């Protein structure tokens, strides 16, 4: 079997929009592996490599961004995130964020874990000290982040869990 990034005009629509496909070399044996993230944008898989009995690749999660995934060789449906733990359910809201309002972020945790958050300016410098958000149980959690005395501008928010998994977001503070 050959795995590749492709477009069929149905599952991946638009210029430079791709999904993961598999083929046995025949038209009848060529199919979509999985519409990983439903919608017109596609997951745009790439950077494929085989190791052991798995195919590893990077794909774009519409909320989190580019992440590593794997698929068992010969498998045509069961895609896994390489590193489980922190999954973003709902992107930060509101964004742009008016001064003094809290930012909400909804995440799903596979296990109880501690979370931290840090805000960086457009040059990558810490704009706020690392915040310990506390320890949260497994399941869906709504996080509220408050930013004090931060000038208006474009920022990069990083939320980390204890095992190192991170979620990155662009935040506009008004």
Protein backbone atom coordinates (compact mmCIF):
# COMPACT_ATOMS: atom_id res chain seq x y z
CA UNK A 1 0.00 0.00 0.00
CA UNK A 2 1.05 3.58 -0.70
CA UNK A 3 -0.06 6.46 1.54
CA UNK A 4 -0.11 10.00 0.13
CA UNK A 5 -1.60 13.48 0.49
CA UNK A 6 -4.24 13.93 -2.17
CA UNK A 7 -7.41 15.72 -3.16
CA UNK A 8 -10.55 14.25 -4.68
CA UNK A 9 -12.69 17.40 -4.88
CA UNK A 10 -15.06 16.01 -2.24
CA UNK A 11 -13.06 15.47 0.96
CA UNK A 12 -10.38 18.03 0.18
CA UNK A 13 -11.64 21.07 -1.68
CA UNK A 14 -9.70 24.03 -2.98
CA UNK A 15 -6.20 24.75 -4.14
CA UNK A 16 -3.47 23.26 -1.92
CA UNK A 17 -5.99 21.43 0.30
CA UNK A 18 -5.20 17.76 0.92
CA UNK A 19 -6.25 14.73 2.97
CA UNK A 20 -4.56 11.38 3.63
CA UNK A 21 -5.26 8.72 0.99
CA UNK A 22 -4.09 5.12 0.52
CA UNK A 23 -3.77 3.14 -2.70
CA UNK A 24 -3.00 -0.41 -3.74
CA UNK A 25 -2.10 0.91 -7.21
CA UNK A 26 -5.56 0.60 -8.76
CA UNK A 27 -8.35 3.17 -9.10
CA UNK A 28 -10.74 0.91 -7.18
CA UNK A 29 -8.16 0.43 -4.41
CA UNK A 30 -7.51 4.15 -3.89
CA UNK A 31 -9.45 5.69 -1.02
CA UNK A 32 -9.54 8.35 1.65
CA UNK A 33 -7.92 7.05 4.85
CA UNK A 34 -9.82 9.45 7.05
CA UNK A 35 -11.18 12.95 6.86
CA UNK A 36 -9.27 13.64 10.08
CA UNK A 37 -10.83 17.00 10.67
CA UNK A 38 -14.14 17.35 8.84
CA UNK A 39 -14.57 20.53 6.82
CA UNK A 40 -13.30 22.08 3.62
CA UNK A 41 -9.79 22.96 4.86
CA UNK A 42 -8.23 19.48 4.90
CA UNK A 43 -5.56 18.25 7.29
CA UNK A 44 -2.77 18.69 4.71
CA UNK A 45 -0.71 15.67 5.83
CA UNK A 46 2.99 15.55 5.01
CA UNK A 47 6.48 14.64 6.21
CA UNK A 48 5.67 10.92 5.96
CA UNK A 49 8.07 8.30 7.25
CA UNK A 50 7.78 4.65 8.17
CA UNK A 51 9.25 3.22 11.34
CA UNK A 52 8.48 -0.22 12.69
CA UNK A 53 4.92 -1.05 11.79
CA UNK A 54 3.69 2.55 11.72
CA UNK A 55 3.45 5.42 9.26
CA UNK A 56 4.23 8.73 10.99
CA UNK A 57 3.21 12.08 9.55
CA UNK A 58 2.38 15.68 10.40
CA UNK A 59 -1.12 17.06 9.83
CA UNK A 60 -2.95 20.26 10.67
CA UNK A 61 -5.52 20.26 13.44
CA UNK A 62 -7.74 23.33 12.79
CA UNK A 63 -7.64 24.38 16.45
CA UNK A 64 -4.19 23.35 17.67
CA UNK A 65 -2.16 23.63 14.48
CA UNK A 66 0.44 21.27 13.05
CA UNK A 67 0.87 18.05 15.07
CA UNK A 68 2.43 14.59 14.70
CA UNK A 69 0.18 11.57 14.05
CA UNK A 70 0.63 7.88 13.25
CA UNK A 71 -1.25 5.14 11.48
CA UNK A 72 -0.61 1.40 11.65
CA UNK A 73 0.71 0.18 8.29
CA UNK A 74 -2.08 -1.54 6.41
CA UNK A 75 -4.65 0.41 8.42
CA UNK A 76 -7.05 2.58 6.47
CA UNK A 77 -9.03 4.32 9.21
CA UNK A 78 -7.51 4.52 12.70
CA UNK A 79 -5.31 7.64 12.93
CA UNK A 80 -3.75 8.45 16.32
CA UNK A 81 -2.17 11.59 17.74
CA UNK A 82 1.44 10.80 18.52
CA UNK A 83 1.18 12.28 21.98
CA UNK A 84 -2.14 12.15 23.81
CA UNK A 85 -2.95 14.22 26.84
CA UNK A 86 -4.17 17.72 26.03
CA UNK A 87 -6.73 18.27 23.28
CA UNK A 88 -8.20 21.68 22.54
CA UNK A 89 -11.99 21.44 22.25
CA UNK A 90 -12.76 25.11 21.69
CA UNK A 91 -10.30 27.83 20.62
CA UNK A 92 -9.69 30.82 22.89
CA UNK A 93 -12.66 33.18 23.08
CA UNK A 94 -13.14 36.09 22.76
CA UNK A 95 -10.31 36.83 20.38
CA UNK A 96 -9.60 39.76 20.02
CA UNK A 97 -9.81 40.19 23.78
CA UNK A 98 -10.82 43.53 25.31
CA UNK A 99 -8.75 44.76 28.25
CA UNK A 100 -9.88 43.39 31.61
CA UNK A 101 -11.94 40.49 30.23
CA UNK A 102 -11.01 36.85 30.86
CA UNK A 103 -10.05 34.61 27.97
CA UNK A 104 -11.82 31.23 27.89
CA UNK A 105 -10.29 28.07 26.47
CA UNK A 106 -11.93 24.63 26.53
CA UNK A 107 -9.67 21.56 26.65
CA UNK A 108 -10.08 17.82 27.08
CA UNK A 109 -7.58 15.96 29.26
CA UNK A 110 -6.91 12.21 29.00
CA UNK A 111 -5.77 12.07 32.63
CA UNK A 112 -5.48 14.32 35.65
CA UNK A 113 -2.65 16.78 35.00
CA UNK A 114 -1.23 20.15 35.93
CA UNK A 115 -1.51 22.98 33.42
CA UNK A 116 0.52 26.14 32.93
CA UNK A 117 0.09 29.08 30.56
CA UNK A 118 2.50 31.69 29.31
CA UNK A 119 2.03 34.69 27.03
CA UNK A 120 4.78 35.81 24.62
CA UNK A 121 4.99 39.00 22.59
CA UNK A 122 5.41 39.10 18.80
CA UNK A 123 9.21 38.87 19.20
CA UNK A 124 8.99 35.71 21.33
CA UNK A 125 9.77 37.41 24.64
CA UNK A 126 7.73 36.47 27.73
CA UNK A 127 5.03 39.13 28.17
CA UNK A 128 3.81 37.58 31.40
CA UNK A 129 5.37 35.21 33.92
CA UNK A 130 4.50 31.53 33.66
CA UNK A 131 1.08 30.96 35.28
CA UNK A 132 0.32 27.76 37.16
CA UNK A 133 -3.33 27.10 36.32
CA UNK A 134 -3.56 24.20 38.78
CA UNK A 135 -4.25 20.48 38.51
CA UNK A 136 -7.34 19.37 36.61
CA UNK A 137 -9.10 15.99 36.48
CA UNK A 138 -9.50 14.01 33.26
CA UNK A 139 -12.29 15.17 30.96
CA UNK A 140 -13.44 18.50 29.56
CA UNK A 141 -12.27 21.62 31.34
CA UNK A 142 -12.99 25.30 30.72
CA UNK A 143 -9.94 27.41 31.53
CA UNK A 144 -10.23 31.13 32.27
CA UNK A 145 -7.12 33.23 31.80
CA UNK A 146 -6.81 36.82 32.96
CA UNK A 147 -4.08 39.07 31.57
CA UNK A 148 -3.21 42.09 33.72
CA UNK A 149 -1.36 45.21 32.57
CA UNK A 150 -0.49 43.83 29.13
CA UNK A 151 -0.30 46.40 26.30
CA UNK A 152 -2.51 46.00 23.23
CA UNK A 153 -1.02 43.86 20.47
CA UNK A 154 -0.54 40.43 18.97
CA UNK A 155 0.60 37.70 21.37
CA UNK A 156 1.41 33.99 21.38
CA UNK A 157 -0.23 31.94 24.16
CA UNK A 158 1.28 28.57 25.13
CA UNK A 159 -0.66 26.17 27.38
CA UNK A 160 1.37 23.16 28.62
CA UNK A 161 0.48 20.01 30.52
CA UNK A 162 2.86 18.13 32.86
CA UNK A 163 3.99 15.56 30.27
CA UNK A 164 5.04 18.33 27.87
CA UNK A 165 2.16 18.46 25.41
CA UNK A 166 1.53 22.05 24.33
CA UNK A 167 -1.18 24.03 22.60
CA UNK A 168 -0.27 27.29 20.83
CA UNK A 169 -2.57 30.21 19.98
CA UNK A 170 -2.36 33.69 18.51
CA UNK A 171 -4.19 36.14 20.74
CA UNK A 172 -5.00 39.78 20.01
CA UNK A 173 -5.29 42.01 23.08
CA UNK A 174 -7.15 45.27 22.57
